[in-house]
């Protein structure tokens, strides 16, 4: 609901700015200083196209499925993994998760802000979120390849921040050990 309201307000504001700009540009008198009137016409066409393109890009991006938290509205996750950050360790409720399933990480902190980052076996970051005290932040991710994924803290949380490392194994569903779903 909030995303729709933001999209509507943005569209209205951009449209108003475009209309006001068009009115000011079209009502301005052309100078008779020898400058070619055709250049004024080209400039106003160019500006109109620019406003239309910018408005179109804003409308497409604001209504996009890639907006944050849109995926949280798409039903229940296949697996929920509870994660608690504390100086200087991660407590993760499940050591294994299935591949090709929607995994929801319910993230919370007992002390300070932490940054929950998941790194692929190749060492590339695949997902991340803030972990804050007094708040459960939800991060959904679908692992497409099995392997061992490292969990690192991205938010400096004290002198032993560099030791805040854990991992999670992504396996085929048939290979899951009891109770991790």
C-alpha atoms as a PDB file:
ATOM      1  CA  UNK A   1       0.000   0.000   0.000  1.00  0.00           C
ATOM      2  CA  UNK A   2       2.777   2.456   0.926  1.00  0.00           C
ATOM      3  CA  UNK A   3       4.647   1.649  -2.303  1.00  0.00           C
ATOM      4  CA  UNK A   4       1.508   2.384  -4.358  1.00  0.00           C
ATOM      5  CA  UNK A   5       0.978   5.691  -2.558  1.00  0.00           C
ATOM      6  CA  UNK A   6       4.626   6.648  -3.126  1.00  0.00           C
ATOM      7  CA  UNK A   7       4.319   5.763  -6.821  1.00  0.00           C
ATOM      8  CA  UNK A   8       1.140   7.838  -7.213  1.00  0.00           C
ATOM      9  CA  UNK A   9       2.574  10.859  -5.381  1.00  0.00           C
ATOM     10  CA  UNK A  10       5.810  10.692  -7.402  1.00  0.00           C
ATOM     11  CA  UNK A  11       3.896  10.412 -10.676  1.00  0.00           C
ATOM     12  CA  UNK A  12       1.696  13.405  -9.806  1.00  0.00           C
ATOM     13  CA  UNK A  13       4.659  15.555  -8.719  1.00  0.00           C
ATOM     14  CA  UNK A  14       6.726  14.669 -11.813  1.00  0.00           C
ATOM     15  CA  UNK A  15       3.709  15.373 -14.047  1.00  0.00           C
ATOM     16  CA  UNK A  16       3.130  18.758 -12.399  1.00  0.00           C
ATOM     17  CA  UNK A  17       6.790  19.704 -12.773  1.00  0.00           C
ATOM     18  CA  UNK A  18       6.672  18.647 -16.422  1.00  0.00           C
ATOM     19  CA  UNK A  19       3.490  20.646 -17.108  1.00  0.00           C
ATOM     20  CA  UNK A  20       4.810  23.767 -15.372  1.00  0.00           C
ATOM     21  CA  UNK A  21       8.101  23.523 -17.226  1.00  0.00           C
ATOM     22  CA  UNK A  22       6.317  23.020 -20.544  1.00  0.00           C
ATOM     23  CA  UNK A  23       4.067  26.021 -19.878  1.00  0.00           C
ATOM     24  CA  UNK A  24       7.000  28.269 -18.961  1.00  0.00           C
ATOM     25  CA  UNK A  25       8.998  27.085 -21.986  1.00  0.00           C
ATOM     26  CA  UNK A  26       6.145  27.480 -24.461  1.00  0.00           C
ATOM     27  CA  UNK A  27       5.002  30.867 -23.152  1.00  0.00           C
ATOM     28  CA  UNK A  28       8.469  32.418 -23.265  1.00  0.00           C
ATOM     29  CA  UNK A  29       8.800  34.798 -26.175  1.00  0.00           C
ATOM     30  CA  UNK A  30      11.354  33.990 -28.821  1.00  0.00           C
ATOM     31  CA  UNK A  31      14.226  36.396 -29.067  1.00  0.00           C
ATOM     32  CA  UNK A  32      14.612  38.292 -32.282  1.00  0.00           C
ATOM     33  CA  UNK A  33      18.359  38.655 -31.966  1.00  0.00           C
ATOM     34  CA  UNK A  34      19.106  36.749 -35.132  1.00  0.00           C
ATOM     35  CA  UNK A  35      19.190  33.372 -33.414  1.00  0.00           C
ATOM     36  CA  UNK A  36      17.387  30.905 -35.583  1.00  0.00           C
ATOM     37  CA  UNK A  37      13.833  30.200 -34.418  1.00  0.00           C
ATOM     38  CA  UNK A  38      14.176  26.580 -35.563  1.00  0.00           C
ATOM     39  CA  UNK A  39      16.728  25.979 -32.800  1.00  0.00           C
ATOM     40  CA  UNK A  40      14.156  27.120 -30.236  1.00  0.00           C
ATOM     41  CA  UNK A  41      11.699  24.608 -31.674  1.00  0.00           C
ATOM     42  CA  UNK A  42      14.299  21.783 -31.552  1.00  0.00           C
ATOM     43  CA  UNK A  43      15.146  22.699 -27.966  1.00  0.00           C
ATOM     44  CA  UNK A  44      11.512  22.557 -26.840  1.00  0.00           C
ATOM     45  CA  UNK A  45      10.961  19.194 -28.605  1.00  0.00           C
ATOM     46  CA  UNK A  46      14.131  17.827 -26.991  1.00  0.00           C
ATOM     47  CA  UNK A  47      13.041  19.041 -23.557  1.00  0.00           C
ATOM     48  CA  UNK A  48       9.542  17.577 -23.955  1.00  0.00           C
ATOM     49  CA  UNK A  49      11.030  14.208 -24.929  1.00  0.00           C
ATOM     50  CA  UNK A  50      13.369  14.380 -21.953  1.00  0.00           C
ATOM     51  CA  UNK A  51      10.474  14.988 -19.537  1.00  0.00           C
ATOM     52  CA  UNK A  52       8.476  12.112 -21.079  1.00  0.00           C
ATOM     53  CA  UNK A  53      11.439   9.718 -20.824  1.00  0.00           C
ATOM     54  CA  UNK A  54      12.181  10.671 -17.200  1.00  0.00           C
ATOM     55  CA  UNK A  55       8.506  10.284 -16.229  1.00  0.00           C
ATOM     56  CA  UNK A  56       8.378   6.904 -17.991  1.00  0.00           C
ATOM     57  CA  UNK A  57      11.518   5.649 -16.245  1.00  0.00           C
ATOM     58  CA  UNK A  58      10.167   6.750 -12.853  1.00  0.00           C
ATOM     59  CA  UNK A  59       6.838   5.029 -13.466  1.00  0.00           C
ATOM     60  CA  UNK A  60       8.517   1.782 -14.548  1.00  0.00           C
ATOM     61  CA  UNK A  61      10.965   1.700 -11.653  1.00  0.00           C
ATOM     62  CA  UNK A  62       8.396   2.616  -9.011  1.00  0.00           C
ATOM     63  CA  UNK A  63       6.005  -0.098 -10.147  1.00  0.00           C
ATOM     64  CA  UNK A  64       8.779  -2.668 -10.580  1.00  0.00           C
ATOM     65  CA  UNK A  65       8.763  -6.072  -8.877  1.00  0.00           C
ATOM     66  CA  UNK A  66      12.349  -5.392  -7.834  1.00  0.00           C
ATOM     67  CA  UNK A  67      11.300  -2.801  -5.263  1.00  0.00           C
ATOM     68  CA  UNK A  68      12.474  -3.666  -1.747  1.00  0.00           C
ATOM     69  CA  UNK A  69      10.217  -5.970   0.241  1.00  0.00           C
ATOM     70  CA  UNK A  70       7.884  -6.744  -2.666  1.00  0.00           C
ATOM     71  CA  UNK A  71       8.881 -10.399  -2.396  1.00  0.00           C
ATOM     72  CA  UNK A  72       7.713 -10.474   1.247  1.00  0.00           C
ATOM     73  CA  UNK A  73       4.156 -10.083  -0.039  1.00  0.00           C
ATOM     74  CA  UNK A  74       4.420 -13.109  -2.333  1.00  0.00           C
ATOM     75  CA  UNK A  75       3.334 -15.801   0.072  1.00  0.00           C
ATOM     76  CA  UNK A  76       5.107 -17.731   2.741  1.00  0.00           C
ATOM     77  CA  UNK A  77       8.749 -18.766   2.541  1.00  0.00           C
ATOM     78  CA  UNK A  78       9.665 -22.441   2.226  1.00  0.00           C
ATOM     79  CA  UNK A  79      12.084 -22.285   5.181  1.00  0.00           C
ATOM     80  CA  UNK A  80      12.531 -19.751   8.008  1.00  0.00           C
ATOM     81  CA  UNK A  81      15.980 -19.473   9.572  1.00  0.00           C
ATOM     82  CA  UNK A  82      16.261 -17.459  12.782  1.00  0.00           C
ATOM     83  CA  UNK A  83      19.516 -15.529  13.098  1.00  0.00           C
ATOM     84  CA  UNK A  84      20.689 -13.645  16.175  1.00  0.00           C
ATOM     85  CA  UNK A  85      23.752 -11.436  16.059  1.00  0.00           C
ATOM     86  CA  UNK A  86      25.699 -10.736  19.198  1.00  0.00           C
ATOM     87  CA  UNK A  87      29.188  -9.513  19.829  1.00  0.00           C
ATOM     88  CA  UNK A  88      31.019 -11.360  18.028  1.00  0.00           C
ATOM     89  CA  UNK A  89      29.081 -14.365  16.782  1.00  0.00           C
ATOM     90  CA  UNK A  90      26.072 -15.422  14.745  1.00  0.00           C
ATOM     91  CA  UNK A  91      23.542 -17.820  16.243  1.00  0.00           C
ATOM     92  CA  UNK A  92      21.815 -19.512  13.305  1.00  0.00           C
ATOM     93  CA  UNK A  93      18.871 -21.865  13.908  1.00  0.00           C
ATOM     94  CA  UNK A  94      19.673 -24.119  10.960  1.00  0.00           C
ATOM     95  CA  UNK A  95      23.036 -25.244   9.617  1.00  0.00           C
ATOM     96  CA  UNK A  96      21.574 -26.481   6.320  1.00  0.00           C
ATOM     97  CA  UNK A  97      18.962 -25.139   3.915  1.00  0.00           C
ATOM     98  CA  UNK A  98      17.615 -26.587   0.667  1.00  0.00           C
ATOM     99  CA  UNK A  99      18.626 -25.331  -2.749  1.00  0.00           C
ATOM    100  CA  UNK A 100      15.978 -23.678  -4.988  1.00  0.00           C
ATOM    101  CA  UNK A 101      13.640 -22.867  -2.075  1.00  0.00           C
ATOM    102  CA  UNK A 102      12.699 -19.455  -0.687  1.00  0.00           C
ATOM    103  CA  UNK A 103      14.647 -19.033   2.549  1.00  0.00           C
ATOM    104  CA  UNK A 104      13.608 -16.276   4.947  1.00  0.00           C
ATOM    105  CA  UNK A 105      16.259 -15.162   7.404  1.00  0.00           C
ATOM    106  CA  UNK A 106      14.629 -13.543  10.474  1.00  0.00           C
ATOM    107  CA  UNK A 107      17.450 -11.287  11.681  1.00  0.00           C
ATOM    108  CA  UNK A 108      17.801  -9.715  15.116  1.00  0.00           C
ATOM    109  CA  UNK A 109      20.574  -8.427  17.354  1.00  0.00           C
ATOM    110  CA  UNK A 110      21.016  -8.670  21.095  1.00  0.00           C
ATOM    111  CA  UNK A 111      23.449  -5.780  21.383  1.00  0.00           C
ATOM    112  CA  UNK A 112      24.583  -3.474  18.559  1.00  0.00           C
ATOM    113  CA  UNK A 113      23.993  -3.082  14.833  1.00  0.00           C
ATOM    114  CA  UNK A 114      25.458  -5.819  12.666  1.00  0.00           C
ATOM    115  CA  UNK A 115      25.520  -6.339   8.915  1.00  0.00           C
ATOM    116  CA  UNK A 116      24.384  -9.822   7.847  1.00  0.00           C
ATOM    117  CA  UNK A 117      26.070 -10.728   4.551  1.00  0.00           C
ATOM    118  CA  UNK A 118      25.877 -14.023   2.680  1.00  0.00           C
ATOM    119  CA  UNK A 119      28.819 -14.870   0.421  1.00  0.00           C
ATOM    120  CA  UNK A 120      28.708 -17.550  -2.279  1.00  0.00           C
ATOM    121  CA  UNK A 121      31.289 -20.351  -2.358  1.00  0.00           C
ATOM    122  CA  UNK A 122      33.089 -18.234  -4.994  1.00  0.00           C
ATOM    123  CA  UNK A 123      33.376 -15.370  -2.490  1.00  0.00           C
ATOM    124  CA  UNK A 124      30.796 -13.026  -4.027  1.00  0.00           C
ATOM    125  CA  UNK A 125      28.161 -11.337  -1.892  1.00  0.00           C
ATOM    126  CA  UNK A 126      24.696 -12.643  -2.799  1.00  0.00           C
ATOM    127  CA  UNK A 127      22.481 -10.996  -0.151  1.00  0.00           C
ATOM    128  CA  UNK A 128      22.803  -8.674   2.821  1.00  0.00           C
ATOM    129  CA  UNK A 129      20.736  -6.834   5.403  1.00  0.00           C
ATOM    130  CA  UNK A 130      21.095  -4.758   8.547  1.00  0.00           C
ATOM    131  CA  UNK A 131      20.612  -6.506  11.888  1.00  0.00           C
ATOM    132  CA  UNK A 132      19.410  -4.125  14.575  1.00  0.00           C
ATOM    133  CA  UNK A 133      18.592  -4.473  18.263  1.00  0.00           C
ATOM    134  CA  UNK A 134      14.888  -4.453  19.070  1.00  0.00           C
ATOM    135  CA  UNK A 135      13.809  -5.202  15.499  1.00  0.00           C
ATOM    136  CA  UNK A 136      13.395  -8.351  13.410  1.00  0.00           C
ATOM    137  CA  UNK A 137      14.478  -7.667   9.846  1.00  0.00           C
ATOM    138  CA  UNK A 138      13.474 -10.232   7.215  1.00  0.00           C
ATOM    139  CA  UNK A 139      15.717 -11.165   4.315  1.00  0.00           C
ATOM    140  CA  UNK A 140      14.497 -13.603   1.663  1.00  0.00           C
ATOM    141  CA  UNK A 141      16.847 -15.345  -0.695  1.00  0.00           C
ATOM    142  CA  UNK A 142      16.691 -18.364  -2.994  1.00  0.00           C
ATOM    143  CA  UNK A 143      19.979 -20.236  -3.280  1.00  0.00           C
ATOM    144  CA  UNK A 144      20.367 -21.631  -6.796  1.00  0.00           C
ATOM    145  CA  UNK A 145      23.574 -23.586  -6.243  1.00  0.00           C
ATOM    146  CA  UNK A 146      24.533 -25.989  -3.469  1.00  0.00           C
ATOM    147  CA  UNK A 147      27.662 -25.303  -1.448  1.00  0.00           C
ATOM    148  CA  UNK A 148      28.934 -23.705   1.723  1.00  0.00           C
ATOM    149  CA  UNK A 149      28.009 -20.029   1.998  1.00  0.00           C
ATOM    150  CA  UNK A 150      29.893 -17.820   4.460  1.00  0.00           C
ATOM    151  CA  UNK A 151      28.083 -15.413   6.740  1.00  0.00           C
ATOM    152  CA  UNK A 152      30.077 -12.301   7.627  1.00  0.00           C
ATOM    153  CA  UNK A 153      29.309  -9.118   9.536  1.00  0.00           C
ATOM    154  CA  UNK A 154      29.465  -5.982   7.357  1.00  0.00           C
ATOM    155  CA  UNK A 155      28.933  -3.464  10.151  1.00  0.00           C
ATOM    156  CA  UNK A 156      31.865  -2.690  12.433  1.00  0.00           C
ATOM    157  CA  UNK A 157      30.715  -3.962  15.838  1.00  0.00           C
ATOM    158  CA  UNK A 158      33.841  -3.792  17.965  1.00  0.00           C
ATOM    159  CA  UNK A 159      37.433  -4.968  18.265  1.00  0.00           C
ATOM    160  CA  UNK A 160      36.710  -8.613  17.347  1.00  0.00           C
ATOM    161  CA  UNK A 161      34.390  -7.723  14.433  1.00  0.00           C
ATOM    162  CA  UNK A 162      36.629  -9.650  12.031  1.00  0.00           C
ATOM    163  CA  UNK A 163      35.924 -12.901  13.909  1.00  0.00           C
ATOM    164  CA  UNK A 164      32.142 -12.697  13.363  1.00  0.00           C
ATOM    165  CA  UNK A 165      32.081 -15.426  10.729  1.00  0.00           C
ATOM    166  CA  UNK A 166      29.715 -18.337  10.298  1.00  0.00           C
ATOM    167  CA  UNK A 167      28.448 -20.458   7.427  1.00  0.00           C
ATOM    168  CA  UNK A 168      25.393 -22.213   6.113  1.00  0.00           C
ATOM    169  CA  UNK A 169      25.313 -25.272   3.874  1.00  0.00           C
ATOM    170  CA  UNK A 170      22.987 -25.252   0.904  1.00  0.00           C
ATOM    171  CA  UNK A 171      22.128 -28.820  -0.089  1.00  0.00           C
ATOM    172  CA  UNK A 172      19.702 -30.755  -2.234  1.00  0.00           C
ATOM    173  CA  UNK A 173      16.439 -31.253  -0.342  1.00  0.00           C
ATOM    174  CA  UNK A 174      16.959 -35.039  -0.169  1.00  0.00           C
ATOM    175  CA  UNK A 175      20.275 -34.493   1.640  1.00  0.00           C
ATOM    176  CA  UNK A 176      18.847 -32.377   4.485  1.00  0.00           C
ATOM    177  CA  UNK A 177      19.444 -33.800   7.934  1.00  0.00           C
ATOM    178  CA  UNK A 178      16.388 -34.105  10.191  1.00  0.00           C
ATOM    179  CA  UNK A 179      14.668 -31.057  11.616  1.00  0.00           C
ATOM    180  CA  UNK A 180      16.305 -28.320   9.538  1.00  0.00           C
ATOM    181  CA  UNK A 181      13.231 -27.447   7.521  1.00  0.00           C
END
